[in-house]
Amino acid sequence: MQVKFNPNYKNQNFGALHADRFAKNALLVRVANDLDWKTINDLVARQASNTDAHICLTSAPESTRLSAWISSQGKVEEYSEGLFFDFSNPVNFIKSVCDRADVLARMASDDNVNPSAILDMMG
C-alpha cells in the first residue's frame, strides 16, 4: 500500500467548533431565544478561522450538561459546565471555551513580539 503525505495540507475540519449529536440535542433543549442562536452562530463562524485550536462540544445521552475539549498543538484541555448548569445559559459556557481556544491560538502563533517596535508605534 502506498501512502502520499503532503505536509502543506491543512485539515479543513480542524480549527472549528463541532458538537456531537448529544450536545446538539442539549442545545435544542436549553437554548430558547433567537438572540442566543445568533450568538452561537457568530461563535461558530469565528472559530472557523481559528486554525490552531479545535473545539468539540459533547454531552451524555441522558443529560443536557455540556462538556468540551480543546485540542491545540497536540495538547487537549477538558472543560464541563458547573453543578448548577440548569440555571445557567449554555451560550456563556460555549463563549468561555471559544475564548480559551483563541488564547491557545495566540500562544501557538509564530509572530515574534518586538517591544521596541510596539513602543515606537505609540509615539
PDB file of N, CA and C in Angstrom:
ATOM      1  N   MET A   1       0.835  -1.166   0.000  1.00  0.00           N
ATOM      2  CA  MET A   1       0.000   0.000   0.000  1.00  0.00           C
ATOM      3  C   MET A   1       0.890   1.243   0.000  1.00  0.00           C
ATOM      4  N   GLN A   2       0.500   2.208  -0.806  1.00  0.00           N
ATOM      5  CA  GLN A   2       1.268   3.435  -0.918  1.00  0.00           C
ATOM      6  C   GLN A   2       0.476   4.581  -0.290  1.00  0.00           C
ATOM      7  N   VAL A   3       1.135   5.341   0.560  1.00  0.00           N
ATOM      8  CA  VAL A   3       0.501   6.477   1.224  1.00  0.00           C
ATOM      9  C   VAL A   3       1.226   7.742   0.809  1.00  0.00           C
ATOM     10  N   LYS A   4       0.448   8.733   0.370  1.00  0.00           N
ATOM     11  CA  LYS A   4       1.026  10.013  -0.010  1.00  0.00           C
ATOM     12  C   LYS A   4       0.816  10.994   1.136  1.00  0.00           C
ATOM     13  N   PHE A   5       1.885  11.640   1.524  1.00  0.00           N
ATOM     14  CA  PHE A   5       1.827  12.597   2.616  1.00  0.00           C
ATOM     15  C   PHE A   5       2.164  13.974   2.082  1.00  0.00           C
ATOM     16  N   ASN A   6       1.298  14.922   2.339  1.00  0.00           N
ATOM     17  CA  ASN A   6       1.524  16.299   1.936  1.00  0.00           C
ATOM     18  C   ASN A   6       1.638  17.145   3.205  1.00  0.00           C
ATOM     19  N   PRO A   7       2.833  17.579   3.584  1.00  0.00           N
ATOM     20  CA  PRO A   7       2.990  18.352   4.825  1.00  0.00           C
ATOM     21  C   PRO A   7       2.347  19.732   4.755  1.00  0.00           C
ATOM     22  N   ASN A   8       2.022  20.227   3.584  1.00  0.00           N
ATOM     23  CA  ASN A   8       1.408  21.539   3.438  1.00  0.00           C
ATOM     24  C   ASN A   8      -0.108  21.494   3.516  1.00  0.00           C
ATOM     25  N   TYR A   9      -0.678  20.292   3.565  1.00  0.00           N
ATOM     26  CA  TYR A   9      -2.130  20.147   3.625  1.00  0.00           C
ATOM     27  C   TYR A   9      -2.631  20.470   5.020  1.00  0.00           C
ATOM     28  N   LYS A  10      -3.671  21.253   5.102  1.00  0.00           N
ATOM     29  CA  LYS A  10      -4.260  21.596   6.396  1.00  0.00           C
ATOM     30  C   LYS A  10      -5.667  21.010   6.434  1.00  0.00           C
ATOM     31  N   ASN A  11      -5.961  20.259   7.477  1.00  0.00           N
ATOM     32  CA  ASN A  11      -7.264  19.641   7.631  1.00  0.00           C
ATOM     33  C   ASN A  11      -8.332  20.719   7.701  1.00  0.00           C
ATOM     34  N   GLN A  12      -9.336  20.640   6.851  1.00  0.00           N
ATOM     35  CA  GLN A  12     -10.373  21.653   6.797  1.00  0.00           C
ATOM     36  C   GLN A  12     -11.299  21.608   8.011  1.00  0.00           C
ATOM     37  N   ASN A  13     -11.387  20.458   8.684  1.00  0.00           N
ATOM     38  CA  ASN A  13     -12.250  20.356   9.849  1.00  0.00           C
ATOM     39  C   ASN A  13     -11.553  20.784  11.125  1.00  0.00           C
ATOM     40  N   PHE A  14     -10.254  20.968  11.066  1.00  0.00           N
ATOM     41  CA  PHE A  14      -9.528  21.369  12.266  1.00  0.00           C
ATOM     42  C   PHE A  14      -9.675  22.862  12.451  1.00  0.00           C
ATOM     43  N   GLY A  15      -9.771  23.285  13.675  1.00  0.00           N
ATOM     44  CA  GLY A  15      -9.895  24.704  13.948  1.00  0.00           C
ATOM     45  C   GLY A  15     -11.317  25.201  13.915  1.00  0.00           C
ATOM     46  N   ALA A  16     -12.261  24.321  14.085  1.00  0.00           N
ATOM     47  CA  ALA A  16     -13.658  24.722  14.068  1.00  0.00           C
ATOM     48  C   ALA A  16     -14.323  24.300  15.368  1.00  0.00           C
ATOM     49  N   LEU A  17     -15.535  24.756  15.548  1.00  0.00           N
ATOM     50  CA  LEU A  17     -16.338  24.385  16.699  1.00  0.00           C
ATOM     51  C   LEU A  17     -17.307  23.302  16.258  1.00  0.00           C
ATOM     52  N   HIS A  18     -17.166  22.118  16.820  1.00  0.00           N
ATOM     53  CA  HIS A  18     -18.023  20.987  16.465  1.00  0.00           C
ATOM     54  C   HIS A  18     -18.819  20.537  17.678  1.00  0.00           C
ATOM     55  N   ALA A  19     -19.917  19.849  17.438  1.00  0.00           N
ATOM     56  CA  ALA A  19     -20.730  19.297  18.519  1.00  0.00           C
ATOM     57  C   ALA A  19     -21.216  17.918  18.104  1.00  0.00           C
ATOM     58  N   ASP A  20     -21.206  16.981  19.052  1.00  0.00           N
ATOM     59  CA  ASP A  20     -21.756  15.668  18.751  1.00  0.00           C
ATOM     60  C   ASP A  20     -23.285  15.745  18.834  1.00  0.00           C
ATOM     61  N   ARG A  21     -23.956  14.668  18.489  1.00  0.00           N
ATOM     62  CA  ARG A  21     -25.415  14.714  18.409  1.00  0.00           C
ATOM     63  C   ARG A  21     -26.059  14.935  19.771  1.00  0.00           C
ATOM     64  N   PHE A  22     -25.430  14.464  20.841  1.00  0.00           N
ATOM     65  CA  PHE A  22     -25.987  14.671  22.171  1.00  0.00           C
ATOM     66  C   PHE A  22     -25.861  16.131  22.599  1.00  0.00           C
ATOM     67  N   ALA A  23     -24.761  16.760  22.243  1.00  0.00           N
ATOM     68  CA  ALA A  23     -24.593  18.184  22.542  1.00  0.00           C
ATOM     69  C   ALA A  23     -25.585  19.017  21.728  1.00  0.00           C
ATOM     70  N   LYS A  24     -25.816  18.627  20.483  1.00  0.00           N
ATOM     71  CA  LYS A  24     -26.801  19.339  19.662  1.00  0.00           C
ATOM     72  C   LYS A  24     -28.195  19.210  20.264  1.00  0.00           C
ATOM     73  N   ASN A  25     -28.543  18.018  20.744  1.00  0.00           N
ATOM     74  CA  ASN A  25     -29.836  17.830  21.396  1.00  0.00           C
ATOM     75  C   ASN A  25     -29.932  18.671  22.664  1.00  0.00           C
ATOM     76  N   ALA A  26     -28.852  18.735  23.443  1.00  0.00           N
ATOM     77  CA  ALA A  26     -28.842  19.544  24.659  1.00  0.00           C
ATOM     78  C   ALA A  26     -29.057  21.017  24.324  1.00  0.00           C
ATOM     79  N   LEU A  27     -28.434  21.481  23.249  1.00  0.00           N
ATOM     80  CA  LEU A  27     -28.614  22.878  22.855  1.00  0.00           C
ATOM     81  C   LEU A  27     -30.049  23.134  22.396  1.00  0.00           C
ATOM     82  N   LEU A  28     -30.630  22.194  21.686  1.00  0.00           N
ATOM     83  CA  LEU A  28     -32.022  22.363  21.262  1.00  0.00           C
ATOM     84  C   LEU A  28     -32.954  22.465  22.465  1.00  0.00           C
ATOM     85  N   VAL A  29     -32.665  21.737  23.520  1.00  0.00           N
ATOM     86  CA  VAL A  29     -33.495  21.773  24.723  1.00  0.00           C
ATOM     87  C   VAL A  29     -33.266  23.045  25.517  1.00  0.00           C
ATOM     88  N   ARG A  30     -32.028  23.490  25.636  1.00  0.00           N
ATOM     89  CA  ARG A  30     -31.686  24.567  26.566  1.00  0.00           C
ATOM     90  C   ARG A  30     -31.656  25.969  25.963  1.00  0.00           C
ATOM     91  N   VAL A  31     -31.479  26.081  24.652  1.00  0.00           N
ATOM     92  CA  VAL A  31     -31.413  27.414  24.026  1.00  0.00           C
ATOM     93  C   VAL A  31     -32.775  27.719  23.412  1.00  0.00           C
ATOM     94  N   ALA A  32     -33.397  28.778  23.922  1.00  0.00           N
ATOM     95  CA  ALA A  32     -34.770  29.054  23.511  1.00  0.00           C
ATOM     96  C   ALA A  32     -34.920  30.281  22.618  1.00  0.00           C
ATOM     97  N   ASN A  33     -34.082  31.296  22.777  1.00  0.00           N
ATOM     98  CA  ASN A  33     -34.350  32.519  22.024  1.00  0.00           C
ATOM     99  C   ASN A  33     -33.401  32.697  20.837  1.00  0.00           C
ATOM    100  N   ASP A  34     -33.856  33.497  19.910  1.00  0.00           N
ATOM    101  CA  ASP A  34     -33.113  33.721  18.670  1.00  0.00           C
ATOM    102  C   ASP A  34     -31.794  34.446  18.901  1.00  0.00           C
ATOM    103  N   LEU A  35     -31.745  35.331  19.881  1.00  0.00           N
ATOM    104  CA  LEU A  35     -30.512  36.066  20.154  1.00  0.00           C
ATOM    105  C   LEU A  35     -29.389  35.111  20.565  1.00  0.00           C
ATOM    106  N   ASP A  36     -29.715  34.108  21.375  1.00  0.00           N
ATOM    107  CA  ASP A  36     -28.706  33.120  21.767  1.00  0.00           C
ATOM    108  C   ASP A  36     -28.254  32.293  20.573  1.00  0.00           C
ATOM    109  N   TRP A  37     -29.183  31.941  19.688  1.00  0.00           N
ATOM    110  CA  TRP A  37     -28.794  31.187  18.486  1.00  0.00           C
ATOM    111  C   TRP A  37     -27.902  32.024  17.579  1.00  0.00           C
ATOM    112  N   LYS A  38     -28.162  33.321  17.494  1.00  0.00           N
ATOM    113  CA  LYS A  38     -27.295  34.200  16.697  1.00  0.00           C
ATOM    114  C   LYS A  38     -25.907  34.291  17.310  1.00  0.00           C
ATOM    115  N   THR A  39     -25.848  34.323  18.634  1.00  0.00           N
ATOM    116  CA  THR A  39     -24.553  34.356  19.312  1.00  0.00           C
ATOM    117  C   THR A  39     -23.777  33.077  19.047  1.00  0.00           C
ATOM    118  N   ILE A  40     -24.453  31.938  19.126  1.00  0.00           N
ATOM    119  CA  ILE A  40     -23.797  30.658  18.826  1.00  0.00           C
ATOM    120  C   ILE A  40     -23.321  30.639  17.381  1.00  0.00           C
ATOM    121  N   ASN A  41     -24.136  31.158  16.467  1.00  0.00           N
ATOM    122  CA  ASN A  41     -23.741  31.220  15.056  1.00  0.00           C
ATOM    123  C   ASN A  41     -22.481  32.064  14.883  1.00  0.00           C
ATOM    124  N   ASP A  42     -22.404  33.193  15.573  1.00  0.00           N
ATOM    125  CA  ASP A  42     -21.223  34.055  15.494  1.00  0.00           C
ATOM    126  C   ASP A  42     -19.982  33.353  16.055  1.00  0.00           C
ATOM    127  N   LEU A  43     -20.162  32.610  17.152  1.00  0.00           N
ATOM    128  CA  LEU A  43     -19.033  31.885  17.736  1.00  0.00           C
ATOM    129  C   LEU A  43     -18.529  30.792  16.803  1.00  0.00           C
ATOM    130  N   VAL A  44     -19.452  30.090  16.142  1.00  0.00           N
ATOM    131  CA  VAL A  44     -19.059  29.047  15.189  1.00  0.00           C
ATOM    132  C   VAL A  44     -18.308  29.667  14.017  1.00  0.00           C
ATOM    133  N   ALA A  45     -18.795  30.788  13.513  1.00  0.00           N
ATOM    134  CA  ALA A  45     -18.133  31.463  12.395  1.00  0.00           C
ATOM    135  C   ALA A  45     -16.755  31.968  12.803  1.00  0.00           C
ATOM    136  N   ARG A  46     -16.640  32.486  14.019  1.00  0.00           N
ATOM    137  CA  ARG A  46     -15.345  32.988  14.494  1.00  0.00           C
ATOM    138  C   ARG A  46     -14.333  31.858  14.638  1.00  0.00           C
ATOM    139  N   GLN A  47     -14.773  30.715  15.128  1.00  0.00           N
ATOM    140  CA  GLN A  47     -13.860  29.595  15.321  1.00  0.00           C
ATOM    141  C   GLN A  47     -13.467  28.927  14.010  1.00  0.00           C
ATOM    142  N   ALA A  48     -14.223  29.139  12.956  1.00  0.00           N
ATOM    143  CA  ALA A  48     -13.865  28.572  11.661  1.00  0.00           C
ATOM    144  C   ALA A  48     -12.546  29.142  11.163  1.00  0.00           C
ATOM    145  N   SER A  49     -12.211  30.360  11.587  1.00  0.00           N
ATOM    146  CA  SER A  49     -10.953  30.976  11.165  1.00  0.00           C
ATOM    147  C   SER A  49      -9.803  30.655  12.113  1.00  0.00           C
ATOM    148  N   ASN A  50     -10.084  30.008  13.217  1.00  0.00           N
ATOM    149  CA  ASN A  50      -9.058  29.626  14.185  1.00  0.00           C
ATOM    150  C   ASN A  50      -8.469  28.285  13.734  1.00  0.00           C
ATOM    151  N   THR A  51      -7.303  28.336  13.137  1.00  0.00           N
ATOM    152  CA  THR A  51      -6.708  27.110  12.585  1.00  0.00           C
ATOM    153  C   THR A  51      -5.762  26.422  13.551  1.00  0.00           C
ATOM    154  N   ASP A  52      -5.589  26.982  14.745  1.00  0.00           N
ATOM    155  CA  ASP A  52      -4.649  26.408  15.699  1.00  0.00           C
ATOM    156  C   ASP A  52      -5.309  25.651  16.837  1.00  0.00           C
ATOM    157  N   ALA A  53      -6.595  25.824  17.028  1.00  0.00           N
ATOM    158  CA  ALA A  53      -7.293  25.146  18.123  1.00  0.00           C
ATOM    159  C   ALA A  53      -8.603  24.560  17.618  1.00  0.00           C
ATOM    160  N   HIS A  54      -8.927  23.392  18.107  1.00  0.00           N
ATOM    161  CA  HIS A  54     -10.129  22.683  17.693  1.00  0.00           C
ATOM    162  C   HIS A  54     -10.998  22.471  18.930  1.00  0.00           C
ATOM    163  N   ILE A  55     -12.298  22.773  18.820  1.00  0.00           N
ATOM    164  CA  ILE A  55     -13.225  22.630  19.936  1.00  0.00           C
ATOM    165  C   ILE A  55     -14.284  21.593  19.577  1.00  0.00           C
ATOM    166  N   CYS A  56     -14.564  20.717  20.520  1.00  0.00           N
ATOM    167  CA  CYS A  56     -15.649  19.758  20.346  1.00  0.00           C
ATOM    168  C   CYS A  56     -16.537  19.791  21.585  1.00  0.00           C
ATOM    169  N   LEU A  57     -17.826  20.048  21.376  1.00  0.00           N
ATOM    170  CA  LEU A  57     -18.802  20.021  22.458  1.00  0.00           C
ATOM    171  C   LEU A  57     -19.394  18.624  22.544  1.00  0.00           C
ATOM    172  N   THR A  58     -19.562  18.137  23.764  1.00  0.00           N
ATOM    173  CA  THR A  58     -20.147  16.818  23.971  1.00  0.00           C
ATOM    174  C   THR A  58     -21.160  16.897  25.113  1.00  0.00           C
ATOM    175  N   SER A  59     -21.965  15.860  25.198  1.00  0.00           N
ATOM    176  CA  SER A  59     -22.915  15.730  26.286  1.00  0.00           C
ATOM    177  C   SER A  59     -23.226  14.249  26.445  1.00  0.00           C
ATOM    178  N   ALA A  60     -23.634  13.877  27.620  1.00  0.00           N
ATOM    179  CA  ALA A  60     -24.032  12.486  27.851  1.00  0.00           C
ATOM    180  C   ALA A  60     -25.427  12.272  27.263  1.00  0.00           C
ATOM    181  N   PRO A  61     -25.743  11.053  26.845  1.00  0.00           N
ATOM    182  CA  PRO A  61     -27.060  10.803  26.237  1.00  0.00           C
ATOM    183  C   PRO A  61     -28.237  11.134  27.157  1.00  0.00           C
ATOM    184  N   GLU A  62     -28.086  10.956  28.451  1.00  0.00           N
ATOM    185  CA  GLU A  62     -29.198  11.171  29.371  1.00  0.00           C
ATOM    186  C   GLU A  62     -29.161  12.533  30.053  1.00  0.00           C
ATOM    187  N   SER A  63     -28.320  13.448  29.579  1.00  0.00           N
ATOM    188  CA  SER A  63     -28.150  14.740  30.236  1.00  0.00           C
ATOM    189  C   SER A  63     -28.121  15.859  29.207  1.00  0.00           C
ATOM    190  N   THR A  64     -28.342  17.080  29.693  1.00  0.00           N
ATOM    191  CA  THR A  64     -28.177  18.260  28.840  1.00  0.00           C
ATOM    192  C   THR A  64     -26.987  19.084  29.303  1.00  0.00           C
ATOM    193  N   ARG A  65     -26.172  18.531  30.183  1.00  0.00           N
ATOM    194  CA  ARG A  65     -24.967  19.201  30.664  1.00  0.00           C
ATOM    195  C   ARG A  65     -23.891  19.116  29.590  1.00  0.00           C
ATOM    196  N   LEU A  66     -23.313  20.258  29.244  1.00  0.00           N
ATOM    197  CA  LEU A  66     -22.307  20.312  28.185  1.00  0.00           C
ATOM    198  C   LEU A  66     -20.902  20.132  28.741  1.00  0.00           C
ATOM    199  N   SER A  67     -20.099  19.468  27.964  1.00  0.00           N
ATOM    200  CA  SER A  67     -18.665  19.365  28.203  1.00  0.00           C
ATOM    201  C   SER A  67     -17.977  19.751  26.904  1.00  0.00           C
ATOM    202  N   ALA A  68     -16.722  20.098  27.007  1.00  0.00           N
ATOM    203  CA  ALA A  68     -15.980  20.478  25.807  1.00  0.00           C
ATOM    204  C   ALA A  68     -14.529  20.082  25.977  1.00  0.00           C
ATOM    205  N   TRP A  69     -13.892  19.828  24.849  1.00  0.00           N
ATOM    206  CA  TRP A  69     -12.444  19.659  24.854  1.00  0.00           C
ATOM    207  C   TRP A  69     -11.871  20.527  23.759  1.00  0.00           C
ATOM    208  N   ILE A  70     -10.711  21.074  24.076  1.00  0.00           N
ATOM    209  CA  ILE A  70      -9.987  21.926  23.129  1.00  0.00           C
ATOM    210  C   ILE A  70      -8.664  21.252  22.827  1.00  0.00           C
ATOM    211  N   SER A  71      -8.387  21.068  21.565  1.00  0.00           N
ATOM    212  CA  SER A  71      -7.133  20.459  21.138  1.00  0.00           C
ATOM    213  C   SER A  71      -6.297  21.511  20.425  1.00  0.00           C
ATOM    214  N   SER A  72      -5.063  21.667  20.892  1.00  0.00           N
ATOM    215  CA  SER A  72      -4.155  22.634  20.281  1.00  0.00           C
ATOM    216  C   SER A  72      -2.731  22.138  20.450  1.00  0.00           C
ATOM    217  N   GLN A  73      -2.014  22.058  19.368  1.00  0.00           N
ATOM    218  CA  GLN A  73      -0.610  21.634  19.351  1.00  0.00           C
ATOM    219  C   GLN A  73      -0.403  20.311  20.074  1.00  0.00           C
ATOM    220  N   GLY A  74      -1.283  19.371  19.868  1.00  0.00           N
ATOM    221  CA  GLY A  74      -1.146  18.044  20.450  1.00  0.00           C
ATOM    222  C   GLY A  74      -1.556  17.937  21.902  1.00  0.00           C
ATOM    223  N   LYS A  75      -2.001  19.029  22.493  1.00  0.00           N
ATOM    224  CA  LYS A  75      -2.463  19.012  23.881  1.00  0.00           C
ATOM    225  C   LYS A  75      -3.985  19.142  23.903  1.00  0.00           C
ATOM    226  N   VAL A  76      -4.597  18.489  24.872  1.00  0.00           N
ATOM    227  CA  VAL A  76      -6.051  18.528  24.990  1.00  0.00           C
ATOM    228  C   VAL A  76      -6.427  19.045  26.376  1.00  0.00           C
ATOM    229  N   GLU A  77      -7.329  20.028  26.403  1.00  0.00           N
ATOM    230  CA  GLU A  77      -7.867  20.551  27.651  1.00  0.00           C
ATOM    231  C   GLU A  77      -9.350  20.220  27.694  1.00  0.00           C
ATOM    232  N   GLU A  78      -9.828  19.790  28.854  1.00  0.00           N
ATOM    233  CA  GLU A  78     -11.229  19.426  29.006  1.00  0.00           C
ATOM    234  C   GLU A  78     -11.926  20.390  29.956  1.00  0.00           C
ATOM    235  N   TYR A  79     -13.189  20.718  29.624  1.00  0.00           N
ATOM    236  CA  TYR A  79     -13.998  21.619  30.429  1.00  0.00           C
ATOM    237  C   TYR A  79     -15.405  21.047  30.521  1.00  0.00           C
ATOM    238  N   SER A  80     -16.104  21.371  31.597  1.00  0.00           N
ATOM    239  CA  SER A  80     -17.506  20.984  31.704  1.00  0.00           C
ATOM    240  C   SER A  80     -18.256  22.046  32.495  1.00  0.00           C
ATOM    241  N   GLU A  81     -19.564  22.097  32.266  1.00  0.00           N
ATOM    242  CA  GLU A  81     -20.397  23.057  32.975  1.00  0.00           C
ATOM    243  C   GLU A  81     -20.454  22.712  34.453  1.00  0.00           C
ATOM    244  N   GLY A  82     -20.719  23.701  35.259  1.00  0.00           N
ATOM    245  CA  GLY A  82     -20.772  23.512  36.697  1.00  0.00           C
ATOM    246  C   GLY A  82     -21.974  22.699  37.152  1.00  0.00           C
ATOM    247  N   LEU A  83     -22.065  22.511  38.434  1.00  0.00           N
ATOM    248  CA  LEU A  83     -23.109  21.695  39.028  1.00  0.00           C
ATOM    249  C   LEU A  83     -24.505  22.262  38.780  1.00  0.00           C
ATOM    250  N   PHE A  84     -24.641  23.568  38.782  1.00  0.00           N
ATOM    251  CA  PHE A  84     -25.947  24.196  38.597  1.00  0.00           C
ATOM    252  C   PHE A  84     -26.150  24.648  37.156  1.00  0.00           C
ATOM    253  N   PHE A  85     -25.775  23.794  36.208  1.00  0.00           N
ATOM    254  CA  PHE A  85     -25.847  24.147  34.790  1.00  0.00           C
ATOM    255  C   PHE A  85     -27.272  24.408  34.326  1.00  0.00           C
ATOM    256  N   ASP A  86     -28.272  23.812  34.988  1.00  0.00           N
ATOM    257  CA  ASP A  86     -29.663  24.022  34.576  1.00  0.00           C
ATOM    258  C   ASP A  86     -30.076  25.484  34.688  1.00  0.00           C
ATOM    259  N   PHE A  87     -29.412  26.229  35.584  1.00  0.00           N
ATOM    260  CA  PHE A  87     -29.778  27.618  35.807  1.00  0.00           C
ATOM    261  C   PHE A  87     -28.913  28.586  35.009  1.00  0.00           C
ATOM    262  N   SER A  88     -27.949  28.074  34.302  1.00  0.00           N
ATOM    263  CA  SER A  88     -27.063  28.947  33.536  1.00  0.00           C
ATOM    264  C   SER A  88     -27.362  28.823  32.042  1.00  0.00           C
ATOM    265  N   ASN A  89     -26.838  29.751  31.303  1.00  0.00           N
ATOM    266  CA  ASN A  89     -27.037  29.785  29.863  1.00  0.00           C
ATOM    267  C   ASN A  89     -25.891  29.022  29.190  1.00  0.00           C
ATOM    268  N   PRO A  90     -26.185  28.040  28.340  1.00  0.00           N
ATOM    269  CA  PRO A  90     -25.100  27.301  27.694  1.00  0.00           C
ATOM    270  C   PRO A  90     -24.265  28.164  26.758  1.00  0.00           C
ATOM    271  N   VAL A  91     -24.811  29.277  26.315  1.00  0.00           N
ATOM    272  CA  VAL A  91     -24.070  30.179  25.432  1.00  0.00           C
ATOM    273  C   VAL A  91     -22.851  30.741  26.165  1.00  0.00           C
ATOM    274  N   ASN A  92     -23.008  31.030  27.444  1.00  0.00           N
ATOM    275  CA  ASN A  92     -21.875  31.541  28.223  1.00  0.00           C
ATOM    276  C   ASN A  92     -20.765  30.503  28.321  1.00  0.00           C
ATOM    277  N   PHE A  93     -21.131  29.243  28.476  1.00  0.00           N
ATOM    278  CA  PHE A  93     -20.137  28.175  28.522  1.00  0.00           C
ATOM    279  C   PHE A  93     -19.411  28.066  27.181  1.00  0.00           C
ATOM    280  N   ILE A  94     -20.160  28.084  26.099  1.00  0.00           N
ATOM    281  CA  ILE A  94     -19.555  27.981  24.761  1.00  0.00           C
ATOM    282  C   ILE A  94     -18.641  29.175  24.506  1.00  0.00           C
ATOM    283  N   LYS A  95     -19.084  30.366  24.906  1.00  0.00           N
ATOM    284  CA  LYS A  95     -18.257  31.561  24.713  1.00  0.00           C
ATOM    285  C   LYS A  95     -16.947  31.452  25.491  1.00  0.00           C
ATOM    286  N   SER A  96     -17.006  30.962  26.727  1.00  0.00           N
ATOM    287  CA  SER A  96     -15.778  30.848  27.514  1.00  0.00           C
ATOM    288  C   SER A  96     -14.821  29.827  26.909  1.00  0.00           C
ATOM    289  N   VAL A  97     -15.346  28.756  26.351  1.00  0.00           N
ATOM    290  CA  VAL A  97     -14.496  27.761  25.697  1.00  0.00           C
ATOM    291  C   VAL A  97     -13.870  28.347  24.427  1.00  0.00           C
ATOM    292  N   CYS A  98     -14.649  29.106  23.672  1.00  0.00           N
ATOM    293  CA  CYS A  98     -14.120  29.751  22.469  1.00  0.00           C
ATOM    294  C   CYS A  98     -13.044  30.774  22.811  1.00  0.00           C
ATOM    295  N   ASP A  99     -13.256  31.518  23.888  1.00  0.00           N
ATOM    296  CA  ASP A  99     -12.239  32.481  24.318  1.00  0.00           C
ATOM    297  C   ASP A  99     -10.940  31.771  24.681  1.00  0.00           C
ATOM    298  N   ARG A 100     -11.042  30.629  25.354  1.00  0.00           N
ATOM    299  CA  ARG A 100      -9.842  29.859  25.712  1.00  0.00           C
ATOM    300  C   ARG A 100      -9.143  29.350  24.445  1.00  0.00           C
ATOM    301  N   ALA A 101      -9.916  28.910  23.461  1.00  0.00           N
ATOM    302  CA  ALA A 101      -9.327  28.447  22.203  1.00  0.00           C
ATOM    303  C   ALA A 101      -8.593  29.584  21.500  1.00  0.00           C
ATOM    304  N   ASP A 102      -9.147  30.790  21.569  1.00  0.00           N
ATOM    305  CA  ASP A 102      -8.474  31.942  20.967  1.00  0.00           C
ATOM    306  C   ASP A 102      -7.152  32.235  21.673  1.00  0.00           C
ATOM    307  N   VAL A 103      -7.131  32.104  22.991  1.00  0.00           N
ATOM    308  CA  VAL A 103      -5.886  32.309  23.746  1.00  0.00           C
ATOM    309  C   VAL A 103      -4.850  31.264  23.340  1.00  0.00           C
ATOM    310  N   LEU A 104      -5.264  30.015  23.219  1.00  0.00           N
ATOM    311  CA  LEU A 104      -4.342  28.950  22.798  1.00  0.00           C
ATOM    312  C   LEU A 104      -3.822  29.201  21.386  1.00  0.00           C
ATOM    313  N   ALA A 105      -4.669  29.731  20.515  1.00  0.00           N
ATOM    314  CA  ALA A 105      -4.241  30.032  19.147  1.00  0.00           C
ATOM    315  C   ALA A 105      -3.217  31.162  19.133  1.00  0.00           C
ATOM    316  N   ARG A 106      -3.428  32.178  19.965  1.00  0.00           N
ATOM    317  CA  ARG A 106      -2.452  33.277  20.036  1.00  0.00           C
ATOM    318  C   ARG A 106      -1.120  32.776  20.581  1.00  0.00           C
ATOM    319  N   MET A 107      -1.174  31.868  21.552  1.00  0.00           N
ATOM    320  CA  MET A 107       0.064  31.317  22.113  1.00  0.00           C
ATOM    321  C   MET A 107       0.802  30.466  21.087  1.00  0.00           C
ATOM    322  N   ALA A 108       0.078  29.860  20.166  1.00  0.00           N
ATOM    323  CA  ALA A 108       0.682  28.985  19.171  1.00  0.00           C
ATOM    324  C   ALA A 108       1.170  29.740  17.945  1.00  0.00           C
ATOM    325  N   SER A 109       0.809  31.016  17.818  1.00  0.00           N
ATOM    326  CA  SER A 109       1.199  31.759  16.626  1.00  0.00           C
ATOM    327  C   SER A 109       2.712  31.967  16.598  1.00  0.00           C
ATOM    328  N   ASP A 110       3.223  32.079  15.410  1.00  0.00           N
ATOM    329  CA  ASP A 110       4.662  32.234  15.211  1.00  0.00           C
ATOM    330  C   ASP A 110       5.102  33.690  15.202  1.00  0.00           C
ATOM    331  N   ASP A 111       4.190  34.609  15.480  1.00  0.00           N
ATOM    332  CA  ASP A 111       4.524  36.025  15.448  1.00  0.00           C
ATOM    333  C   ASP A 111       5.474  36.363  16.600  1.00  0.00           C
ATOM    334  N   ASN A 112       6.588  36.962  16.243  1.00  0.00           N
ATOM    335  CA  ASN A 112       7.537  37.396  17.262  1.00  0.00           C
ATOM    336  C   ASN A 112       7.144  38.781  17.751  1.00  0.00           C
ATOM    337  N   VAL A 113       7.223  38.976  19.029  1.00  0.00           N
ATOM    338  CA  VAL A 113       6.880  40.257  19.620  1.00  0.00           C
ATOM    339  C   VAL A 113       8.142  41.082  19.775  1.00  0.00           C
ATOM    340  N   ASN A 114       8.086  42.294  19.261  1.00  0.00           N
ATOM    341  CA  ASN A 114       9.203  43.213  19.362  1.00  0.00           C
ATOM    342  C   ASN A 114       8.748  44.399  20.208  1.00  0.00           C
ATOM    343  N   PRO A 115       9.094  44.422  21.497  1.00  0.00           N
ATOM    344  CA  PRO A 115       8.626  45.521  22.377  1.00  0.00           C
ATOM    345  C   PRO A 115       9.052  46.897  21.881  1.00  0.00           C
ATOM    346  N   SER A 116      10.255  47.015  21.316  1.00  0.00           N
ATOM    347  CA  SER A 116      10.724  48.317  20.837  1.00  0.00           C
ATOM    348  C   SER A 116       9.838  48.837  19.699  1.00  0.00           C
ATOM    349  N   ALA A 117       9.461  47.961  18.785  1.00  0.00           N
ATOM    350  CA  ALA A 117       8.607  48.376  17.674  1.00  0.00           C
ATOM    351  C   ALA A 117       7.225  48.786  18.172  1.00  0.00           C
ATOM    352  N   ILE A 118       6.713  48.099  19.174  1.00  0.00           N
ATOM    353  CA  ILE A 118       5.411  48.456  19.726  1.00  0.00           C
ATOM    354  C   ILE A 118       5.469  49.830  20.391  1.00  0.00           C
ATOM    355  N   LEU A 119       6.532  50.069  21.158  1.00  0.00           N
ATOM    356  CA  LEU A 119       6.679  51.362  21.812  1.00  0.00           C
ATOM    357  C   LEU A 119       6.903  52.480  20.801  1.00  0.00           C
ATOM    358  N   ASP A 120       7.609  52.197  19.698  1.00  0.00           N
ATOM    359  CA  ASP A 120       7.818  53.197  18.664  1.00  0.00           C
ATOM    360  C   ASP A 120       6.507  53.592  17.993  1.00  0.00           C
ATOM    361  N   MET A 121       5.613  52.643  17.824  1.00  0.00           N
ATOM    362  CA  MET A 121       4.322  52.923  17.199  1.00  0.00           C
ATOM    363  C   MET A 121       3.453  53.791  18.104  1.00  0.00           C
ATOM    364  N   MET A 122       3.701  53.750  19.399  1.00  0.00           N
ATOM    365  CA  MET A 122       2.903  54.531  20.340  1.00  0.00           C
ATOM    366  C   MET A 122       3.314  56.009  20.358  1.00  0.00           C
ATOM    367  N   GLY A 123       4.412  56.349  19.703  1.00  0.00           N
ATOM    368  CA  GLY A 123       4.802  57.754  19.595  1.00  0.00           C
ATOM    369  C   GLY A 123       5.769  58.245  20.603  1.00  0.00           C
TER     370      GLY A 123
END
